[in-house]
N, C-alpha and C. Protein backbone atom coordinates (compact mmCIF):
# COMPACT_ATOMS: atom_id res chain seq x y z
N ALA A 1 18.60 -5.00 9.35
CA ALA A 1 17.16 -4.99 8.83
C ALA A 1 16.68 -4.08 10.06
N ILE A 2 17.07 -4.35 11.19
CA ILE A 2 16.30 -3.50 12.23
C ILE A 2 16.63 -1.78 12.17
N GLU A 3 18.05 -1.45 11.69
CA GLU A 3 18.60 -0.25 11.45
C GLU A 3 17.53 0.27 10.36
N LEU A 4 17.20 -0.63 9.22
CA LEU A 4 16.38 0.13 8.15
C LEU A 4 14.79 0.30 8.51
N ILE A 5 14.40 -0.35 9.28
CA ILE A 5 13.01 -0.21 9.82
C ILE A 5 12.92 0.90 10.81
N SER A 6 13.93 1.14 11.65
CA SER A 6 14.11 2.25 12.84
C SER A 6 14.40 3.67 12.27
N THR A 7 14.68 3.69 11.05
CA THR A 7 14.65 5.17 10.49
C THR A 7 13.41 5.80 10.42
N LYS A 8 13.27 6.71 11.24
CA LYS A 8 11.92 7.52 11.38
C LYS A 8 11.81 9.00 10.66
N SER A 9 13.03 9.23 9.77
CA SER A 9 13.15 10.51 9.16
C SER A 9 12.48 10.51 7.91
N TYR A 10 11.95 9.00 7.30
CA TYR A 10 11.24 9.04 5.96
C TYR A 10 9.84 9.56 5.91
N SER A 11 9.26 10.15 5.08
CA SER A 11 7.70 10.67 5.19
C SER A 11 7.44 9.84 3.90
N PRO A 12 6.03 9.60 3.86
CA PRO A 12 5.90 8.87 2.47
C PRO A 12 6.01 9.50 1.38
N ARG A 13 6.19 11.01 1.37
CA ARG A 13 6.52 11.75 0.01
C ARG A 13 7.78 11.01 -0.45
N ASP A 14 8.76 10.66 0.58
CA ASP A 14 10.01 10.08 -0.03
C ASP A 14 9.85 8.74 -0.52
N SER A 15 9.35 8.69 -1.69
CA SER A 15 9.11 7.51 -2.39
C SER A 15 10.31 6.67 -2.76
N ILE A 16 11.27 7.40 -3.43
CA ILE A 16 12.39 6.45 -3.65
C ILE A 16 13.14 5.84 -2.60
N LEU A 17 13.36 6.74 -1.39
CA LEU A 17 13.96 6.38 -0.22
C LEU A 17 13.16 5.06 0.34
N ASN A 18 11.81 5.30 0.24
CA ASN A 18 10.81 4.10 1.07
C ASN A 18 11.03 2.94 0.24
N LEU A 19 10.88 3.06 -1.12
CA LEU A 19 11.17 1.84 -1.98
C LEU A 19 12.59 1.33 -2.10
N GLY A 20 13.46 2.08 -1.90
CA GLY A 20 14.92 1.30 -1.47
C GLY A 20 15.11 0.47 -0.26
N ARG A 21 14.31 1.25 0.60
CA ARG A 21 14.34 0.59 1.97
C ARG A 21 13.62 -0.82 1.99
N LEU A 22 12.43 -0.72 1.29
CA LEU A 22 11.60 -1.87 1.26
C LEU A 22 12.28 -3.18 0.33
N ARG A 23 12.70 -2.64 -0.76
CA ARG A 23 13.54 -3.47 -1.64
C ARG A 23 14.89 -4.08 -0.79
N ALA A 24 15.44 -3.33 0.13
CA ALA A 24 16.67 -3.81 1.03
C ALA A 24 16.11 -4.87 1.83
N LEU A 25 14.81 -4.80 2.31
CA LEU A 25 14.19 -5.53 3.49
C LEU A 25 14.16 -6.94 2.69
N TYR A 26 13.53 -6.69 1.25
CA TYR A 26 13.01 -7.88 0.72
C TYR A 26 14.30 -8.73 0.36
N GLN A 27 15.38 -8.17 -0.05
CA GLN A 27 16.65 -8.84 -0.44
C GLN A 27 17.26 -9.57 0.98
N ILE A 28 17.10 -8.60 1.96
CA ILE A 28 17.39 -9.53 3.34
C ILE A 28 16.62 -10.73 3.54
N ALA A 29 15.30 -10.51 3.41
CA ALA A 29 14.51 -11.76 3.69
C ALA A 29 14.86 -13.03 2.49
N LEU A 30 15.10 -12.51 1.32
CA LEU A 30 15.42 -13.57 0.66
C LEU A 30 16.69 -14.41 0.87
N HIS A 31 17.32 -14.07 1.64
CA HIS A 31 18.90 -14.61 2.17
C HIS A 31 18.51 -15.32 3.52
N GLY A 32 17.14 -15.40 3.71
CA GLY A 32 16.86 -16.22 5.07
C GLY A 32 16.87 -15.51 6.36
N HIS A 33 16.77 -13.98 6.24
CA HIS A 33 16.88 -13.25 7.65
C HIS A 33 15.58 -12.44 7.95
N GLU A 34 14.85 -13.24 8.38
CA GLU A 34 13.21 -12.49 8.61
C GLU A 34 12.96 -12.23 9.97
N LEU A 35 12.71 -11.09 10.22
CA LEU A 35 12.35 -10.78 11.58
C LEU A 35 10.88 -10.30 11.81
N LYS A 36 10.24 -10.77 12.91
CA LYS A 36 9.04 -10.35 13.23
C LYS A 36 8.48 -8.49 13.07
N GLU A 37 9.62 -8.12 13.50
CA GLU A 37 9.52 -6.55 13.32
C GLU A 37 9.36 -6.06 12.16
N VAL A 38 10.31 -6.84 11.12
CA VAL A 38 10.11 -6.36 9.78
C VAL A 38 8.86 -6.71 9.07
N GLN A 39 8.19 -7.85 9.50
CA GLN A 39 6.57 -8.00 8.92
C GLN A 39 5.94 -7.01 9.70
N TYR A 40 5.99 -6.57 10.92
CA TYR A 40 5.08 -5.50 11.61
C TYR A 40 5.24 -4.19 10.64
N PHE A 41 6.51 -3.90 10.16
CA PHE A 41 6.70 -2.57 9.64
C PHE A 41 6.13 -2.69 8.30
N VAL A 42 6.51 -3.71 7.48
CA VAL A 42 5.80 -4.01 6.11
C VAL A 42 4.31 -3.77 6.22
N MET A 43 3.64 -4.48 7.23
CA MET A 43 2.02 -4.55 7.34
C MET A 43 1.72 -2.94 7.26
N ASP A 44 2.64 -2.38 8.16
CA ASP A 44 2.11 -0.91 8.77
C ASP A 44 2.28 -0.22 7.19
N VAL A 45 3.45 -0.35 6.51
CA VAL A 45 3.41 0.38 5.35
C VAL A 45 2.32 -0.02 4.11
N LEU A 46 1.91 -1.30 4.19
CA LEU A 46 0.85 -1.59 3.49
C LEU A 46 -0.62 -1.13 3.69
N GLY A 47 -0.75 -0.77 4.75
CA GLY A 47 -2.06 -0.23 5.22
C GLY A 47 -1.96 1.40 5.20
N GLN A 48 -1.00 2.19 4.69
CA GLN A 48 -0.92 3.48 4.54
C GLN A 48 -1.27 3.97 3.06
N ALA A 49 -2.63 4.53 2.95
CA ALA A 49 -2.93 4.81 1.66
C ALA A 49 -2.03 5.98 1.08
N LEU A 50 -1.20 6.87 1.85
CA LEU A 50 -0.20 7.71 1.38
C LEU A 50 0.72 7.43 0.78
N GLN A 51 1.11 6.16 0.76
CA GLN A 51 2.28 5.35 0.24
C GLN A 51 2.10 5.28 -1.41
N PRO A 52 3.17 5.51 -2.15
CA PRO A 52 2.70 5.41 -3.46
C PRO A 52 2.50 3.66 -3.76
N MET A 53 1.61 3.47 -4.73
CA MET A 53 1.35 1.85 -5.20
C MET A 53 2.23 0.92 -5.36
N SER A 54 3.56 1.53 -6.11
CA SER A 54 4.59 0.59 -6.17
C SER A 54 5.27 0.06 -4.82
N ILE A 55 5.19 0.89 -3.64
CA ILE A 55 5.87 0.52 -2.70
C ILE A 55 4.59 -0.23 -2.17
N ARG A 56 3.48 -0.22 -1.96
CA ARG A 56 2.28 -0.88 -1.51
C ARG A 56 2.46 -2.32 -2.15
N TYR A 57 2.58 -2.52 -3.49
CA TYR A 57 2.79 -3.78 -4.08
C TYR A 57 4.03 -4.68 -3.60
N LEU A 58 4.84 -3.92 -3.42
CA LEU A 58 6.16 -4.58 -2.91
C LEU A 58 5.97 -5.07 -1.26
N ALA A 59 5.23 -4.04 -0.55
CA ALA A 59 5.00 -4.70 0.64
C ALA A 59 4.07 -6.00 0.59
N ALA A 60 2.98 -5.95 -0.03
CA ALA A 60 2.01 -6.99 -0.02
C ALA A 60 2.75 -8.21 -0.57
N ASP A 61 3.86 -7.97 -1.70
CA ASP A 61 4.45 -9.20 -2.04
C ASP A 61 5.13 -9.63 -1.06
N TYR A 62 5.88 -8.79 -0.16
CA TYR A 62 6.74 -9.58 0.72
C TYR A 62 5.96 -10.11 1.78
N LEU A 63 5.00 -9.62 2.08
CA LEU A 63 4.05 -10.43 3.13
C LEU A 63 3.49 -11.60 2.51
N ALA A 64 3.11 -11.91 1.42
CA ALA A 64 2.76 -13.22 0.74
C ALA A 64 3.71 -14.34 0.65
N ARG A 65 5.05 -13.56 0.30
CA ARG A 65 6.02 -14.58 0.14
C ARG A 65 6.63 -14.98 1.45
N PHE A 66 6.74 -13.96 2.46
CA PHE A 66 7.87 -14.46 3.65
C PHE A 66 6.77 -14.42 4.94
N SER A 67 5.54 -14.46 4.96
CA SER A 67 4.99 -14.51 6.13
C SER A 67 3.96 -15.81 5.92
N SER A 68 4.55 -16.69 6.77
CA SER A 68 3.71 -18.01 7.05
C SER A 68 2.71 -18.13 8.41
N ASP A 69 3.28 -17.30 9.03
CA ASP A 69 2.43 -17.05 10.34
C ASP A 69 1.02 -16.49 10.24
N PRO A 70 0.32 -16.41 10.98
CA PRO A 70 -1.20 -15.61 10.89
C PRO A 70 -0.73 -14.32 11.58
N PHE A 71 -1.32 -13.45 10.81
CA PHE A 71 -1.38 -12.16 11.08
C PHE A 71 -1.97 -12.02 12.68
N ASP A 72 -1.65 -11.09 13.20
CA ASP A 72 -2.09 -10.71 14.76
C ASP A 72 -2.91 -9.47 14.64
N SER A 73 -2.20 -8.38 15.34
CA SER A 73 -2.75 -7.22 15.85
C SER A 73 -3.12 -6.11 14.39
N LEU A 74 -2.14 -6.61 13.45
CA LEU A 74 -1.99 -5.78 12.28
C LEU A 74 -2.85 -6.16 11.16
N GLN A 75 -3.71 -7.20 11.63
CA GLN A 75 -4.58 -8.04 10.24
C GLN A 75 -5.52 -6.88 9.94
N PHE A 76 -6.14 -6.06 10.71
CA PHE A 76 -7.08 -5.23 10.22
C PHE A 76 -6.68 -4.26 9.30
N SER A 77 -5.28 -3.80 9.02
CA SER A 77 -4.99 -2.98 8.17
C SER A 77 -4.92 -3.72 6.81
N VAL A 78 -4.43 -4.90 6.67
CA VAL A 78 -4.83 -5.62 5.72
C VAL A 78 -6.33 -5.83 5.11
N ILE A 79 -7.12 -6.23 5.85
CA ILE A 79 -8.70 -5.90 5.69
C ILE A 79 -8.96 -4.55 5.31
N ARG A 80 -8.81 -3.78 5.91
CA ARG A 80 -9.27 -2.53 5.26
C ARG A 80 -8.63 -1.80 3.96
N ALA A 81 -7.35 -2.34 3.81
CA ALA A 81 -6.89 -2.08 2.39
C ALA A 81 -7.23 -2.89 1.38
N PHE A 82 -7.99 -4.05 1.53
CA PHE A 82 -8.60 -4.99 0.56
C PHE A 82 -9.80 -4.26 0.59
N GLU A 83 -10.55 -3.70 1.39
CA GLU A 83 -11.78 -3.29 1.42
C GLU A 83 -11.97 -1.86 0.63
N ARG A 84 -10.96 -1.14 0.71
CA ARG A 84 -10.69 0.13 0.09
C ARG A 84 -9.81 0.34 -1.22
N ALA A 85 -9.34 -0.88 -1.49
CA ALA A 85 -8.55 -1.05 -3.01
C ALA A 85 -9.48 -0.72 -3.86
N GLU A 86 -8.97 0.00 -4.84
CA GLU A 86 -9.61 0.22 -6.22
C GLU A 86 -8.71 -0.17 -7.30
N ASP A 87 -7.48 -0.29 -7.07
CA ASP A 87 -6.38 -0.92 -8.04
C ASP A 87 -6.89 -2.58 -8.18
N ILE A 88 -7.01 -3.21 -9.31
CA ILE A 88 -7.19 -4.12 -9.19
C ILE A 88 -6.26 -5.42 -8.89
N GLN A 89 -5.09 -5.06 -9.25
CA GLN A 89 -3.62 -5.81 -9.17
C GLN A 89 -3.44 -5.70 -7.82
N PHE A 90 -3.61 -4.42 -7.00
CA PHE A 90 -3.50 -4.59 -5.49
C PHE A 90 -4.30 -5.50 -4.80
N LYS A 91 -5.45 -5.45 -5.32
CA LYS A 91 -6.64 -6.03 -4.58
C LYS A 91 -6.37 -7.76 -4.68
N ARG A 92 -5.71 -8.04 -6.09
CA ARG A 92 -5.40 -9.46 -6.04
C ARG A 92 -4.26 -9.75 -5.19
N GLN A 93 -3.37 -8.87 -5.03
CA GLN A 93 -2.20 -9.14 -3.94
C GLN A 93 -2.60 -9.35 -2.52
N LEU A 94 -3.52 -8.66 -2.36
CA LEU A 94 -4.28 -8.56 -1.05
C LEU A 94 -5.05 -9.78 -0.60
N ALA A 95 -5.57 -10.27 -1.64
CA ALA A 95 -6.41 -11.52 -1.65
C ALA A 95 -5.68 -12.66 -1.20
N ARG A 96 -4.39 -12.58 -1.58
CA ARG A 96 -3.28 -13.85 -1.11
C ARG A 96 -3.18 -13.42 0.23
N LEU A 97 -3.15 -12.38 0.89
CA LEU A 97 -2.89 -12.09 2.32
C LEU A 97 -4.21 -12.50 3.25
N LEU A 98 -5.30 -12.49 2.64
CA LEU A 98 -6.50 -12.49 3.70
C LEU A 98 -6.51 -13.64 4.54
N PRO A 99 -6.21 -14.92 3.87
CA PRO A 99 -6.04 -16.37 4.32
C PRO A 99 -5.08 -16.07 5.98
N HIS A 100 -4.33 -15.38 6.02
CA HIS A 100 -3.45 -15.11 7.13
C HIS A 100 -3.94 -14.53 8.31
N CYS A 101 -5.05 -13.81 8.06
CA CYS A 101 -5.87 -12.94 8.91
C CYS A 101 -6.97 -13.91 9.68
N SER A 102 -6.96 -13.86 11.18
CA SER A 102 -7.77 -14.93 11.78
C SER A 102 -8.87 -14.28 12.07
N ALA A 103 -9.54 -12.89 11.44
CA ALA A 103 -10.46 -12.36 12.11
C ALA A 103 -11.77 -13.03 10.97
N THR A 104 -13.12 -13.00 11.47
CA THR A 104 -13.96 -13.83 10.56
C THR A 104 -14.32 -12.56 9.09
N LYS A 105 -13.85 -11.35 9.60
CA LYS A 105 -14.28 -10.23 8.48
C LYS A 105 -13.31 -10.90 7.23
N ALA A 106 -12.22 -11.25 7.36
CA ALA A 106 -11.56 -11.79 6.14
C ALA A 106 -12.05 -12.90 5.70
N ASN A 107 -12.64 -13.91 6.25
CA ASN A 107 -13.13 -14.90 5.55
C ASN A 107 -14.40 -14.43 4.81
N SER A 108 -15.22 -13.61 5.42
CA SER A 108 -16.61 -13.09 4.79
C SER A 108 -16.08 -12.31 3.49
N LEU A 109 -15.20 -11.47 3.33
CA LEU A 109 -14.31 -10.81 2.40
C LEU A 109 -14.36 -11.58 1.19
N LEU A 110 -13.47 -12.88 1.63
CA LEU A 110 -13.24 -13.83 0.44
C LEU A 110 -14.34 -14.47 -0.07
N VAL A 111 -15.23 -14.56 0.87
CA VAL A 111 -16.52 -15.46 0.27
C VAL A 111 -17.35 -14.22 -0.59
N SER A 112 -17.71 -13.31 -0.03
CA SER A 112 -18.44 -12.47 -0.84
C SER A 112 -17.59 -11.95 -2.12
N THR A 113 -16.43 -11.69 -2.15
CA THR A 113 -15.82 -11.32 -3.59
C THR A 113 -16.12 -12.69 -4.51
N LEU A 114 -15.70 -13.81 -3.89
CA LEU A 114 -15.94 -15.21 -4.70
C LEU A 114 -17.29 -15.24 -5.14
N ALA A 115 -18.42 -14.74 -4.49
CA ALA A 115 -19.75 -14.98 -4.85
C ALA A 115 -20.09 -13.82 -5.84
N ASP A 116 -19.60 -12.71 -5.90
CA ASP A 116 -19.94 -11.62 -6.70
C ASP A 116 -19.44 -11.87 -8.26
N ARG A 117 -20.59 -12.06 -8.75
CA ARG A 117 -20.36 -12.54 -10.37
C ARG A 117 -19.66 -11.37 -11.16
N GLU A 118 -19.78 -10.10 -10.72
CA GLU A 118 -19.40 -8.94 -11.62
C GLU A 118 -17.94 -8.81 -11.23
N ALA A 119 -17.21 -9.24 -10.46
CA ALA A 119 -16.14 -8.90 -9.78
C ALA A 119 -14.79 -9.58 -10.89
N ASP A 120 -13.82 -9.30 -10.76
CA ASP A 120 -12.84 -9.63 -11.73
C ASP A 120 -12.55 -11.27 -11.39
N GLU A 121 -12.46 -11.73 -12.66
CA GLU A 121 -12.36 -13.24 -12.57
C GLU A 121 -11.08 -13.65 -11.91
N THR A 122 -10.08 -13.30 -12.14
CA THR A 122 -8.83 -13.50 -11.35
C THR A 122 -8.92 -13.36 -10.09
N LEU A 123 -9.41 -12.13 -9.66
CA LEU A 123 -9.66 -12.10 -8.33
C LEU A 123 -10.46 -12.89 -7.63
N ARG A 124 -11.53 -13.12 -8.26
CA ARG A 124 -12.62 -14.50 -7.77
C ARG A 124 -12.04 -15.63 -7.56
N LEU A 125 -10.84 -16.13 -8.52
CA LEU A 125 -10.35 -17.58 -8.49
C LEU A 125 -9.17 -17.51 -7.32
N LEU A 126 -8.68 -16.17 -6.84
CA LEU A 126 -7.44 -16.09 -5.91
C LEU A 126 -8.23 -16.20 -4.56
N CYS A 127 -9.58 -15.50 -4.44
CA CYS A 127 -10.24 -15.51 -3.33
C CYS A 127 -10.79 -17.08 -3.03
N GLY A 128 -10.99 -17.83 -4.08
CA GLY A 128 -11.22 -19.08 -3.84
C GLY A 128 -10.17 -20.10 -3.37
N LYS A 129 -9.18 -19.71 -3.96
CA LYS A 129 -8.07 -20.73 -3.67
C LYS A 129 -7.41 -20.47 -2.41
N ALA A 130 -7.74 -19.12 -1.92
CA ALA A 130 -7.46 -18.66 -0.35
C ALA A 130 -8.38 -19.48 0.60
N LEU A 131 -9.46 -19.65 0.20
CA LEU A 131 -10.61 -20.34 0.79
C LEU A 131 -10.32 -21.65 1.07
N MET A 132 -9.69 -22.15 0.00
CA MET A 132 -9.46 -23.47 -0.38
C MET A 132 -8.42 -24.09 1.14
N ASN A 133 -7.44 -23.22 1.38
CA ASN A 133 -6.52 -23.44 2.34
C ASN A 133 -7.12 -23.44 3.52
N THR A 134 -8.11 -23.02 4.03
CA THR A 134 -8.79 -22.89 5.17
C THR A 134 -10.00 -23.58 4.76
N ARG A 135 -10.52 -24.72 5.49
CA ARG A 135 -11.73 -25.36 5.20
C ARG A 135 -12.83 -24.36 5.07
N PRO A 136 -13.58 -24.04 4.11
CA PRO A 136 -14.51 -23.16 4.20
C PRO A 136 -15.97 -23.58 5.03
N SER A 137 -16.33 -22.60 5.75
CA SER A 137 -17.53 -23.25 6.50
C SER A 137 -18.96 -22.96 5.76
N GLN A 138 -18.82 -22.70 4.41
CA GLN A 138 -20.37 -22.21 3.68
C GLN A 138 -20.83 -23.68 3.33
N GLY A 139 -22.01 -23.63 3.10
CA GLY A 139 -22.74 -24.88 2.84
C GLY A 139 -22.45 -25.37 1.39
N VAL A 140 -22.94 -26.43 1.11
CA VAL A 140 -22.64 -27.19 0.00
C VAL A 140 -23.23 -26.37 -1.21
N GLY A 141 -24.56 -26.01 -0.85
CA GLY A 141 -25.23 -25.07 -1.83
C GLY A 141 -24.71 -23.96 -2.39
N PHE A 142 -23.67 -23.29 -1.79
CA PHE A 142 -22.95 -22.11 -2.22
C PHE A 142 -21.95 -22.82 -3.11
N PHE A 143 -21.32 -23.73 -2.96
CA PHE A 143 -20.32 -24.22 -4.04
C PHE A 143 -20.72 -25.09 -5.10
N ARG A 144 -22.19 -25.56 -4.88
CA ARG A 144 -22.84 -26.11 -5.98
C ARG A 144 -23.31 -24.95 -7.09
N SER A 145 -23.62 -23.77 -6.46
CA SER A 145 -23.69 -22.72 -7.43
C SER A 145 -22.80 -22.21 -8.25
N LEU A 146 -21.61 -22.37 -7.42
CA LEU A 146 -20.31 -21.87 -8.23
C LEU A 146 -19.94 -22.96 -9.50
N LEU A 147 -20.34 -24.23 -9.38
CA LEU A 147 -20.25 -25.23 -10.31
C LEU A 147 -20.56 -24.49 -11.67
N GLU A 148 -21.81 -23.86 -11.60
CA GLU A 148 -22.41 -23.33 -12.51
C GLU A 148 -22.10 -21.81 -13.06
N ASP A 149 -20.91 -21.59 -12.44
CA ASP A 149 -20.50 -19.96 -12.95
C ASP A 149 -20.04 -19.76 -14.33
N ASP A 150 -20.31 -18.57 -14.61
CA ASP A 150 -19.86 -18.09 -16.03
C ASP A 150 -18.36 -18.11 -16.25
N ALA A 151 -17.45 -17.80 -15.40
CA ALA A 151 -16.20 -18.07 -15.56
C ALA A 151 -15.69 -19.41 -15.36
N PRO A 152 -14.89 -19.99 -16.39
CA PRO A 152 -14.40 -21.18 -16.26
C PRO A 152 -13.45 -21.76 -15.08
N ALA A 153 -12.82 -20.66 -14.95
CA ALA A 153 -11.66 -20.83 -13.75
C ALA A 153 -12.36 -21.15 -12.37
N VAL A 154 -13.34 -20.24 -12.01
CA VAL A 154 -14.02 -20.32 -10.98
C VAL A 154 -14.87 -21.74 -10.89
N SER A 155 -15.70 -22.23 -11.98
CA SER A 155 -16.42 -23.28 -11.92
C SER A 155 -15.40 -24.53 -11.59
N GLN A 156 -14.29 -24.46 -12.28
CA GLN A 156 -13.32 -25.43 -12.15
C GLN A 156 -12.68 -25.66 -10.57
N TRP A 157 -12.51 -24.28 -9.85
CA TRP A 157 -12.17 -24.34 -8.62
C TRP A 157 -13.34 -24.80 -7.69
N ALA A 158 -14.64 -24.69 -8.09
CA ALA A 158 -15.54 -25.09 -7.18
C ALA A 158 -15.29 -26.98 -7.53
N ALA A 159 -15.19 -27.43 -8.61
CA ALA A 159 -15.08 -28.83 -8.70
C ALA A 159 -14.02 -29.42 -7.92
N HIS A 160 -12.76 -28.52 -7.89
CA HIS A 160 -12.00 -28.96 -6.97
C HIS A 160 -12.31 -28.91 -5.49
N TYR A 161 -12.88 -28.10 -5.24
CA TYR A 161 -13.45 -28.17 -3.87
C TYR A 161 -14.02 -29.44 -3.48
N PHE A 162 -15.15 -29.84 -4.33
CA PHE A 162 -15.87 -30.95 -4.00
C PHE A 162 -14.89 -32.27 -4.22
N LEU A 163 -13.99 -32.26 -5.09
CA LEU A 163 -12.64 -33.45 -4.92
C LEU A 163 -11.99 -33.49 -3.54
N ARG A 164 -11.80 -32.51 -3.34
CA ARG A 164 -11.07 -32.44 -2.01
C ARG A 164 -11.82 -32.38 -0.58
N TYR A 165 -12.93 -31.84 -0.66
CA TYR A 165 -13.87 -32.18 0.69
C TYR A 165 -14.91 -32.88 0.61
N GLY A 166 -15.19 -33.36 -0.64
CA GLY A 166 -16.34 -34.40 -0.63
C GLY A 166 -17.73 -33.67 -0.81
């Protein structure tokens, strides 16, 4: 894994080589060999807008699957990628990563996306689930308003919030 991430001769235009490298790192992690250095490398790939979306999808999936620790110094690349993402599938994957970010900006992005009734319903639900993992600090009125949401999945999530936290 160290040899794969230390190769500096690849550019973002070498999409097949970068995709193969990321898939190899994914396979290594599937076999239980995870390194913090690989997590940093994958987070860096995720934040690079020049990388093709197929590589960024894989990077987001890697981080969602194999990163249980909170993100530290590179969390702002995840936050920035969520803010700038136009592809809804990529934004959904990033919503699964935001709870790992300790910055208050990540929590506010989750809350604002959940409150946005014009946003994608699945994205809103993923933001709600991400908030459920960390006890949300919003008032009861915020969650009460979500009970009456037009999206059934969001209103059911709000009901689960009240069942869990009273």
